[in-house]
Amino acid sequence: MSAKKPSSRSSATAAVKSQVAESVKTEAKPAKPKAELEPVLTAQVETSPAPVDDATLVEIFSRLRAADPEPRSELEYINPYTLLVAVVLSAQATDKSVNLATAPLFAIADTPQKMLELGEERVRHFIRTIGLFNTKAKNVIALSRILVERHGGEVPREAEALEVLPGVGKKTASVVLNVAFGVPRIAVDTHIFRVSNRIPLFSASTTDKVQAGLEARVPEPFRLNAHHWLILHGRYTCKARRPDCPRCAIADLCRYPSKTTPLTPISLSD
């Protein structure tokens, strides 16, 4: 039996489909070449500039020193021991909230022995407005006991001895050594971590690495007060959400690519 010949209608339909397919193929947009991805890569590089050079680093700290020749910790304390307690309490809390809690506490317990005599329950009562106050009260009593039993009631001047105290880590130990004993350490908190990576002075992924980098880079004349200058700069000028670049004393030296501009006042008319 012979095969049927295709009808003229079928042939016409096939021809139309072929023409449509060819037209779609011709009009289709070509795939974007890989070269067009380069602007994205460039943008990523621009958000991570190289750290400033040594001369610029010196100029940055010279300006910060000129604006605040004798910076001071915003935590209120009486002696090295009360400073240690205040810094332990300041973890995940503001200096203002710590000062409000410690003013009456330090008035009656400004030594490790007096704090032990006060007891954990009463310490907890004094610091109840600070976050994590239960754990912090335990740590204050525990570190006070160690200071009495192992250090004669004195705060040790060695980082290793400080860092093993309950509630005390590298940052707290560095703050105490720097503020209480004049050791040129640059403790790195969230503000300094942000400022150092943003300018950048030294770029790294952890606070410990940033501290090591800053202590290696910052010239000796600035090292003692560097912690205060950077933390105050980060707290009041180089803020996390919107840095105040228009009034920044080092804006022309900073390499941060997303600097802010002055806000334009809105005029309300009838």
C-alpha atoms as a PDB file:
ATOM      1  CA  MET A   1       0.000   0.000   0.000  1.00  0.00           C
ATOM      2  CA  SER A   2       1.510   3.309  -1.013  1.00  0.00           C
ATOM      3  CA  ALA A   3       2.014   6.192   1.456  1.00  0.00           C
ATOM      4  CA  LYS A   4      -0.349   9.142   1.277  1.00  0.00           C
ATOM      5  CA  LYS A   5       0.927  12.338  -0.183  1.00  0.00           C
ATOM      6  CA  PRO A   6       0.840  15.320   2.201  1.00  0.00           C
ATOM      7  CA  SER A   7      -2.090  17.594   1.526  1.00  0.00           C
ATOM      8  CA  SER A   8      -1.511  21.131   0.343  1.00  0.00           C
ATOM      9  CA  ARG A   9      -2.933  22.415   3.657  1.00  0.00           C
ATOM     10  CA  SER A  10      -0.405  20.414   5.689  1.00  0.00           C
ATOM     11  CA  SER A  11       2.451  21.683   3.536  1.00  0.00           C
ATOM     12  CA  ALA A  12       1.340  25.273   4.004  1.00  0.00           C
ATOM     13  CA  THR A  13       1.079  24.844   7.769  1.00  0.00           C
ATOM     14  CA  ALA A  14       4.546  23.346   7.961  1.00  0.00           C
ATOM     15  CA  ALA A  15       5.968  26.212   5.930  1.00  0.00           C
ATOM     16  CA  VAL A  16       4.414  28.813   8.238  1.00  0.00           C
ATOM     17  CA  LYS A  17       5.776  27.095  11.346  1.00  0.00           C
ATOM     18  CA  SER A  18       9.226  26.985   9.791  1.00  0.00           C
ATOM     19  CA  GLN A  19       9.100  30.705   8.975  1.00  0.00           C
ATOM     20  CA  VAL A  20       7.961  31.576  12.528  1.00  0.00           C
ATOM     21  CA  ALA A  21      10.717  29.495  14.118  1.00  0.00           C
ATOM     22  CA  GLU A  22      13.313  31.126  11.876  1.00  0.00           C
ATOM     23  CA  SER A  23      11.955  34.587  12.756  1.00  0.00           C
ATOM     24  CA  VAL A  24      12.091  33.877  16.512  1.00  0.00           C
ATOM     25  CA  LYS A  25      15.613  32.550  16.170  1.00  0.00           C
ATOM     26  CA  THR A  26      16.684  35.691  14.298  1.00  0.00           C
ATOM     27  CA  GLU A  27      15.047  38.114  16.749  1.00  0.00           C
ATOM     28  CA  ALA A  28      16.256  36.380  19.934  1.00  0.00           C
ATOM     29  CA  LYS A  29      18.687  38.485  21.949  1.00  0.00           C
ATOM     30  CA  PRO A  30      22.209  37.088  22.106  1.00  0.00           C
ATOM     31  CA  ALA A  31      23.481  35.940  25.516  1.00  0.00           C
ATOM     32  CA  LYS A  32      25.430  38.561  27.460  1.00  0.00           C
ATOM     33  CA  PRO A  33      29.155  38.007  27.130  1.00  0.00           C
ATOM     34  CA  LYS A  34      31.134  37.353  30.289  1.00  0.00           C
ATOM     35  CA  ALA A  35      32.923  40.648  29.844  1.00  0.00           C
ATOM     36  CA  GLU A  36      29.765  42.445  31.003  1.00  0.00           C
ATOM     37  CA  LEU A  37      30.269  40.969  34.510  1.00  0.00           C
ATOM     38  CA  GLU A  38      33.417  43.023  35.066  1.00  0.00           C
ATOM     39  CA  PRO A  39      31.642  46.132  36.450  1.00  0.00           C
ATOM     40  CA  VAL A  40      30.245  43.994  39.280  1.00  0.00           C
ATOM     41  CA  LEU A  41      33.694  42.760  40.178  1.00  0.00           C
ATOM     42  CA  THR A  42      35.061  46.285  40.044  1.00  0.00           C
ATOM     43  CA  ALA A  43      32.314  47.494  42.376  1.00  0.00           C
ATOM     44  CA  GLN A  44      33.225  44.821  44.863  1.00  0.00           C
ATOM     45  CA  VAL A  45      36.845  45.879  44.772  1.00  0.00           C
ATOM     46  CA  GLU A  46      35.864  49.519  45.335  1.00  0.00           C
ATOM     47  CA  THR A  47      34.071  48.644  48.571  1.00  0.00           C
ATOM     48  CA  SER A  48      37.277  47.142  49.977  1.00  0.00           C
ATOM     49  CA  PRO A  49      40.006  49.741  49.449  1.00  0.00           C
ATOM     50  CA  ALA A  50      43.544  49.129  50.546  1.00  0.00           C
ATOM     51  CA  PRO A  51      44.508  50.421  54.009  1.00  0.00           C
ATOM     52  CA  VAL A  52      45.856  53.975  54.121  1.00  0.00           C
ATOM     53  CA  ASP A  53      49.612  54.407  53.824  1.00  0.00           C
ATOM     54  CA  ASP A  54      51.838  55.210  56.795  1.00  0.00           C
ATOM     55  CA  ALA A  55      51.965  58.951  56.131  1.00  0.00           C
ATOM     56  CA  THR A  56      48.177  59.143  55.967  1.00  0.00           C
ATOM     57  CA  LEU A  57      47.926  57.066  59.129  1.00  0.00           C
ATOM     58  CA  VAL A  58      50.074  59.586  60.980  1.00  0.00           C
ATOM     59  CA  GLU A  59      47.978  62.469  59.672  1.00  0.00           C
ATOM     60  CA  ILE A  60      44.757  60.758  60.779  1.00  0.00           C
ATOM     61  CA  PHE A  61      45.941  60.328  64.350  1.00  0.00           C
ATOM     62  CA  SER A  62      47.458  63.819  64.375  1.00  0.00           C
ATOM     63  CA  ARG A  63      44.037  65.264  63.594  1.00  0.00           C
ATOM     64  CA  LEU A  64      42.263  63.068  66.136  1.00  0.00           C
ATOM     65  CA  ARG A  65      44.796  64.142  68.768  1.00  0.00           C
ATOM     66  CA  ALA A  66      44.380  67.815  67.863  1.00  0.00           C
ATOM     67  CA  ALA A  67      40.610  67.523  68.294  1.00  0.00           C
ATOM     68  CA  ASP A  68      40.910  65.708  71.646  1.00  0.00           C
ATOM     69  CA  PRO A  69      44.417  65.917  73.156  1.00  0.00           C
ATOM     70  CA  GLU A  70      43.575  63.980  76.336  1.00  0.00           C
ATOM     71  CA  PRO A  71      40.798  61.484  75.636  1.00  0.00           C
ATOM     72  CA  ARG A  72      39.268  59.637  78.556  1.00  0.00           C
ATOM     73  CA  SER A  73      37.164  56.523  79.025  1.00  0.00           C
ATOM     74  CA  GLU A  74      33.459  57.261  79.322  1.00  0.00           C
ATOM     75  CA  LEU A  75      33.136  54.555  81.972  1.00  0.00           C
ATOM     76  CA  GLU A  76      33.229  56.018  85.473  1.00  0.00           C
ATOM     77  CA  TYR A  77      35.564  54.316  87.964  1.00  0.00           C
ATOM     78  CA  ILE A  78      37.539  54.963  91.141  1.00  0.00           C
ATOM     79  CA  ASN A  79      40.548  52.654  90.870  1.00  0.00           C
ATOM     80  CA  PRO A  80      41.825  49.755  88.735  1.00  0.00           C
ATOM     81  CA  TYR A  81      39.446  47.335  90.441  1.00  0.00           C
ATOM     82  CA  THR A  82      36.306  49.391  89.801  1.00  0.00           C
ATOM     83  CA  LEU A  83      37.470  49.935  86.216  1.00  0.00           C
ATOM     84  CA  LEU A  84      37.799  46.175  85.794  1.00  0.00           C
ATOM     85  CA  VAL A  85      34.283  45.615  87.146  1.00  0.00           C
ATOM     86  CA  ALA A  86      32.858  48.406  84.970  1.00  0.00           C
ATOM     87  CA  VAL A  87      34.400  46.975  81.808  1.00  0.00           C
ATOM     88  CA  VAL A  88      33.091  43.488  82.644  1.00  0.00           C
ATOM     89  CA  LEU A  89      29.610  44.951  83.125  1.00  0.00           C
ATOM     90  CA  SER A  90      29.819  46.934  79.862  1.00  0.00           C
ATOM     91  CA  ALA A  91      29.676  43.841  77.650  1.00  0.00           C
ATOM     92  CA  GLN A  92      26.567  44.219  75.469  1.00  0.00           C
ATOM     93  CA  ALA A  93      25.589  47.333  77.419  1.00  0.00           C
ATOM     94  CA  THR A  94      26.110  51.065  77.029  1.00  0.00           C
ATOM     95  CA  ASP A  95      28.595  53.004  79.134  1.00  0.00           C
ATOM     96  CA  LYS A  96      25.739  55.223  80.283  1.00  0.00           C
ATOM     97  CA  SER A  97      23.709  52.313  81.633  1.00  0.00           C
ATOM     98  CA  VAL A  98      26.777  50.904  83.390  1.00  0.00           C
ATOM     99  CA  ASN A  99      27.591  54.252  85.004  1.00  0.00           C
ATOM    100  CA  LEU A 100      24.044  54.575  86.336  1.00  0.00           C
ATOM    101  CA  ALA A 101      24.307  51.151  87.958  1.00  0.00           C
ATOM    102  CA  THR A 102      27.855  51.363  89.291  1.00  0.00           C
ATOM    103  CA  ALA A 103      27.676  54.813  90.925  1.00  0.00           C
ATOM    104  CA  PRO A 104      25.802  53.529  94.002  1.00  0.00           C
ATOM    105  CA  LEU A 105      27.559  50.142  93.856  1.00  0.00           C
ATOM    106  CA  PHE A 106      31.076  51.576  93.925  1.00  0.00           C
ATOM    107  CA  ALA A 107      30.087  53.977  96.699  1.00  0.00           C
ATOM    108  CA  ILE A 108      29.938  51.007  99.080  1.00  0.00           C
ATOM    109  CA  ALA A 109      32.119  48.384  97.338  1.00  0.00           C
ATOM    110  CA  ASP A 110      35.258  49.710  95.675  1.00  0.00           C
ATOM    111  CA  THR A 111      37.585  46.805  96.541  1.00  0.00           C
ATOM    112  CA  PRO A 112      37.395  43.047  95.917  1.00  0.00           C
ATOM    113  CA  GLN A 113      36.972  42.345  99.636  1.00  0.00           C
ATOM    114  CA  LYS A 114      34.088  44.796 100.018  1.00  0.00           C
ATOM    115  CA  MET A 115      32.415  43.305  96.945  1.00  0.00           C
ATOM    116  CA  LEU A 116      32.668  39.812  98.450  1.00  0.00           C
ATOM    117  CA  GLU A 117      31.164  41.073 101.680  1.00  0.00           C
ATOM    118  CA  LEU A 118      28.321  42.632  99.710  1.00  0.00           C
ATOM    119  CA  GLY A 119      27.500  39.260  98.151  1.00  0.00           C
ATOM    120  CA  GLU A 120      26.137  38.112  94.828  1.00  0.00           C
ATOM    121  CA  GLU A 121      22.476  38.815  95.622  1.00  0.00           C
ATOM    122  CA  ARG A 122      23.079  42.472  96.477  1.00  0.00           C
ATOM    123  CA  VAL A 123      25.417  42.928  93.524  1.00  0.00           C
ATOM    124  CA  ARG A 124      22.671  41.537  91.319  1.00  0.00           C
ATOM    125  CA  HIS A 125      20.252  44.087  92.757  1.00  0.00           C
ATOM    126  CA  PHE A 126      22.575  46.998  91.941  1.00  0.00           C
ATOM    127  CA  ILE A 127      23.169  45.912  88.338  1.00  0.00           C
ATOM    128  CA  ARG A 128      19.686  44.575  87.549  1.00  0.00           C
ATOM    129  CA  THR A 129      19.147  47.255  84.881  1.00  0.00           C
ATOM    130  CA  ILE A 130      22.106  45.963  82.829  1.00  0.00           C
ATOM    131  CA  GLY A 131      21.750  43.158  80.331  1.00  0.00           C
ATOM    132  CA  LEU A 132      22.846  39.682  81.446  1.00  0.00           C
ATOM    133  CA  PHE A 133      22.977  40.916  85.049  1.00  0.00           C
ATOM    134  CA  ASN A 134      22.652  37.431  86.591  1.00  0.00           C
ATOM    135  CA  THR A 135      25.759  36.115  84.838  1.00  0.00           C
ATOM    136  CA  LYS A 136      27.628  39.357  85.368  1.00  0.00           C
ATOM    137  CA  ALA A 137      26.898  39.345  89.119  1.00  0.00           C
ATOM    138  CA  LYS A 138      28.327  35.824  89.362  1.00  0.00           C
ATOM    139  CA  ASN A 139      31.429  36.889  87.434  1.00  0.00           C
ATOM    140  CA  VAL A 140      32.004  39.984  89.583  1.00  0.00           C
ATOM    141  CA  ILE A 141      31.900  37.920  92.772  1.00  0.00           C
ATOM    142  CA  ALA A 142      34.050  35.148  91.270  1.00  0.00           C
ATOM    143  CA  LEU A 143      36.755  37.468  89.950  1.00  0.00           C
ATOM    144  CA  SER A 144      36.753  39.387  93.241  1.00  0.00           C
ATOM    145  CA  ARG A 145      37.392  36.158  95.130  1.00  0.00           C
ATOM    146  CA  ILE A 146      40.308  35.270  92.843  1.00  0.00           C
ATOM    147  CA  LEU A 147      41.806  38.729  93.279  1.00  0.00           C
ATOM    148  CA  VAL A 148      41.637  38.370  97.067  1.00  0.00           C
ATOM    149  CA  GLU A 149      42.905  34.797  97.204  1.00  0.00           C
ATOM    150  CA  ARG A 150      45.611  34.915  94.506  1.00  0.00           C
ATOM    151  CA  HIS A 151      46.608  38.560  94.033  1.00  0.00           C
ATOM    152  CA  GLY A 152      46.341  40.117  97.474  1.00  0.00           C
ATOM    153  CA  GLY A 153      43.257  42.085  96.503  1.00  0.00           C
ATOM    154  CA  GLU A 154      45.073  43.876  93.677  1.00  0.00           C
ATOM    155  CA  VAL A 155      44.356  43.902  89.960  1.00  0.00           C
ATOM    156  CA  PRO A 156      47.252  42.183  88.158  1.00  0.00           C
ATOM    157  CA  ARG A 157      49.206  44.091  85.535  1.00  0.00           C
ATOM    158  CA  GLU A 158      49.739  41.084  83.251  1.00  0.00           C
ATOM    159  CA  ALA A 159      47.391  40.282  80.385  1.00  0.00           C
ATOM    160  CA  GLU A 160      47.651  36.544  81.030  1.00  0.00           C
ATOM    161  CA  ALA A 161      46.541  36.914  84.649  1.00  0.00           C
ATOM    162  CA  LEU A 162      43.660  39.195  83.700  1.00  0.00           C
ATOM    163  CA  GLU A 163      42.338  37.081  80.857  1.00  0.00           C
ATOM    164  CA  VAL A 164      41.718  34.039  83.074  1.00  0.00           C
ATOM    165  CA  LEU A 165      39.410  35.977  85.397  1.00  0.00           C
ATOM    166  CA  PRO A 166      35.673  35.175  85.031  1.00  0.00           C
ATOM    167  CA  GLY A 167      34.014  37.495  82.517  1.00  0.00           C
ATOM    168  CA  VAL A 168      37.348  38.887  81.340  1.00  0.00           C
ATOM    169  CA  GLY A 169      38.652  38.323  77.835  1.00  0.00           C
ATOM    170  CA  LYS A 170      41.329  39.881  75.668  1.00  0.00           C
ATOM    171  CA  LYS A 171      39.366  43.076  75.048  1.00  0.00           C
ATOM    172  CA  THR A 172      38.585  43.697  78.732  1.00  0.00           C
ATOM    173  CA  ALA A 173      42.153  42.929  79.754  1.00  0.00           C
ATOM    174  CA  SER A 174      43.497  45.325  77.124  1.00  0.00           C
ATOM    175  CA  VAL A 175      41.188  48.119  78.280  1.00  0.00           C
ATOM    176  CA  VAL A 176      42.275  47.700  81.918  1.00  0.00           C
ATOM    177  CA  LEU A 177      45.960  47.587  81.017  1.00  0.00           C
ATOM    178  CA  ASN A 178      45.619  50.651  78.807  1.00  0.00           C
ATOM    179  CA  VAL A 179      43.400  52.835  80.997  1.00  0.00           C
ATOM    180  CA  ALA A 180      44.499  51.818  84.505  1.00  0.00           C
ATOM    181  CA  PHE A 181      48.190  51.111  83.947  1.00  0.00           C
ATOM    182  CA  GLY A 182      49.131  53.105  80.848  1.00  0.00           C
ATOM    183  CA  VAL A 183      50.073  50.117  78.719  1.00  0.00           C
ATOM    184  CA  PRO A 184      49.801  50.987  74.983  1.00  0.00           C
ATOM    185  CA  ARG A 185      47.185  48.394  74.063  1.00  0.00           C
ATOM    186  CA  ILE A 186      44.418  48.998  71.505  1.00  0.00           C
ATOM    187  CA  ALA A 187      41.373  47.040  72.645  1.00  0.00           C
ATOM    188  CA  VAL A 188      38.986  46.539  69.735  1.00  0.00           C
ATOM    189  CA  ASP A 189      35.241  46.722  70.291  1.00  0.00           C
ATOM    190  CA  THR A 190      32.483  46.962  67.671  1.00  0.00           C
ATOM    191  CA  HIS A 191      33.158  50.683  67.059  1.00  0.00           C
ATOM    192  CA  ILE A 192      36.898  50.317  66.529  1.00  0.00           C
ATOM    193  CA  PHE A 193      36.393  47.193  64.421  1.00  0.00           C
ATOM    194  CA  ARG A 194      34.084  49.162  62.128  1.00  0.00           C
ATOM    195  CA  VAL A 195      36.286  52.263  61.941  1.00  0.00           C
ATOM    196  CA  SER A 196      39.468  50.315  61.251  1.00  0.00           C
ATOM    197  CA  ASN A 197      37.870  48.340  58.424  1.00  0.00           C
ATOM    198  CA  ARG A 198      36.001  51.321  57.021  1.00  0.00           C
ATOM    199  CA  ILE A 199      38.800  53.928  56.684  1.00  0.00           C
ATOM    200  CA  PRO A 200      40.621  51.446  56.482  1.00  0.00           C
ATOM    201  CA  LEU A 201      43.491  51.538  58.980  1.00  0.00           C
ATOM    202  CA  PHE A 202      43.831  47.772  59.074  1.00  0.00           C
ATOM    203  CA  SER A 203      41.422  45.301  57.492  1.00  0.00           C
ATOM    204  CA  ALA A 204      40.690  41.932  59.086  1.00  0.00           C
ATOM    205  CA  SER A 205      37.770  39.636  59.803  1.00  0.00           C
ATOM    206  CA  THR A 206      38.067  39.399  63.598  1.00  0.00           C
ATOM    207  CA  THR A 207      38.593  41.831  66.474  1.00  0.00           C
ATOM    208  CA  ASP A 208      41.725  40.011  67.620  1.00  0.00           C
ATOM    209  CA  LYS A 209      43.301  40.335  64.175  1.00  0.00           C
ATOM    210  CA  VAL A 210      42.372  44.013  63.972  1.00  0.00           C
ATOM    211  CA  GLN A 211      43.912  44.626  67.408  1.00  0.00           C
ATOM    212  CA  ALA A 212      47.139  42.908  66.406  1.00  0.00           C
ATOM    213  CA  GLY A 213      47.216  44.848  63.150  1.00  0.00           C
ATOM    214  CA  LEU A 214      46.586  48.219  64.781  1.00  0.00           C
ATOM    215  CA  GLU A 215      49.140  47.662  67.520  1.00  0.00           C
ATOM    216  CA  ALA A 216      51.684  46.837  64.828  1.00  0.00           C
ATOM    217  CA  ARG A 217      50.794  49.816  62.594  1.00  0.00           C
ATOM    218  CA  VAL A 218      49.955  52.737  64.882  1.00  0.00           C
ATOM    219  CA  PRO A 219      53.087  54.799  65.594  1.00  0.00           C
ATOM    220  CA  GLU A 220      54.290  54.841  69.196  1.00  0.00           C
ATOM    221  CA  PRO A 221      53.402  58.500  69.917  1.00  0.00           C
ATOM    222  CA  PHE A 222      49.727  57.726  69.256  1.00  0.00           C
ATOM    223  CA  ARG A 223      49.474  54.174  70.582  1.00  0.00           C
ATOM    224  CA  LEU A 224      48.575  54.944  74.186  1.00  0.00           C
ATOM    225  CA  ASN A 225      45.441  56.957  73.329  1.00  0.00           C
ATOM    226  CA  ALA A 226      44.556  55.276  70.026  1.00  0.00           C
ATOM    227  CA  HIS A 227      41.874  53.139  71.685  1.00  0.00           C
ATOM    228  CA  HIS A 228      40.043  56.213  73.013  1.00  0.00           C
ATOM    229  CA  TRP A 229      40.332  58.243  69.820  1.00  0.00           C
ATOM    230  CA  LEU A 230      39.015  55.418  67.649  1.00  0.00           C
ATOM    231  CA  ILE A 231      36.182  54.369  69.932  1.00  0.00           C
ATOM    232  CA  LEU A 232      34.955  57.956  70.338  1.00  0.00           C
ATOM    233  CA  HIS A 233      35.262  58.549  66.603  1.00  0.00           C
ATOM    234  CA  GLY A 234      33.193  55.441  65.912  1.00  0.00           C
ATOM    235  CA  ARG A 235      30.631  56.237  68.593  1.00  0.00           C
ATOM    236  CA  TYR A 236      29.916  59.848  67.622  1.00  0.00           C
ATOM    237  CA  THR A 237      31.090  60.401  64.031  1.00  0.00           C
ATOM    238  CA  CYS A 238      31.769  57.217  62.076  1.00  0.00           C
ATOM    239  CA  LYS A 239      28.509  55.638  63.204  1.00  0.00           C
ATOM    240  CA  ALA A 240      27.317  52.280  61.939  1.00  0.00           C
ATOM    241  CA  ARG A 241      24.100  53.139  60.094  1.00  0.00           C
ATOM    242  CA  ARG A 242      24.923  56.617  58.828  1.00  0.00           C
ATOM    243  CA  PRO A 243      28.451  57.933  59.342  1.00  0.00           C
ATOM    244  CA  ASP A 244      28.552  61.695  59.786  1.00  0.00           C
ATOM    245  CA  CYS A 245      31.053  62.285  56.985  1.00  0.00           C
ATOM    246  CA  PRO A 246      30.223  65.999  56.451  1.00  0.00           C
ATOM    247  CA  ARG A 247      31.608  66.880  59.891  1.00  0.00           C
ATOM    248  CA  CYS A 248      34.355  64.262  60.017  1.00  0.00           C
ATOM    249  CA  ALA A 249      37.828  65.688  60.626  1.00  0.00           C
ATOM    250  CA  ILE A 250      39.468  62.982  58.523  1.00  0.00           C
ATOM    251  CA  ALA A 251      36.914  62.614  55.706  1.00  0.00           C
ATOM    252  CA  ASP A 252      39.430  63.668  53.039  1.00  0.00           C
ATOM    253  CA  LEU A 253      41.844  60.969  54.226  1.00  0.00           C
ATOM    254  CA  CYS A 254      39.271  58.194  54.574  1.00  0.00           C
ATOM    255  CA  ARG A 255      38.917  55.753  51.661  1.00  0.00           C
ATOM    256  CA  TYR A 256      35.405  54.588  52.494  1.00  0.00           C
ATOM    257  CA  PRO A 257      33.595  54.671  49.114  1.00  0.00           C
ATOM    258  CA  SER A 258      30.077  55.258  50.477  1.00  0.00           C
ATOM    259  CA  LYS A 259      30.598  58.552  52.282  1.00  0.00           C
ATOM    260  CA  THR A 260      27.446  60.389  53.298  1.00  0.00           C
ATOM    261  CA  THR A 261      26.528  63.900  52.192  1.00  0.00           C
ATOM    262  CA  PRO A 262      24.749  66.675  54.116  1.00  0.00           C
ATOM    263  CA  LEU A 263      21.018  66.182  54.405  1.00  0.00           C
ATOM    264  CA  THR A 264      19.059  68.701  52.347  1.00  0.00           C
ATOM    265  CA  PRO A 265      16.470  70.569  54.420  1.00  0.00           C
ATOM    266  CA  ILE A 266      12.893  70.080  53.259  1.00  0.00           C
ATOM    267  CA  SER A 267      10.979  73.294  52.728  1.00  0.00           C
ATOM    268  CA  LEU A 268       7.331  73.023  53.709  1.00  0.00           C
ATOM    269  CA  SER A 269       5.130  75.398  51.751  1.00  0.00           C
ATOM    270  CA  ASP A 270       1.369  75.901  51.753  1.00  0.00           C
END
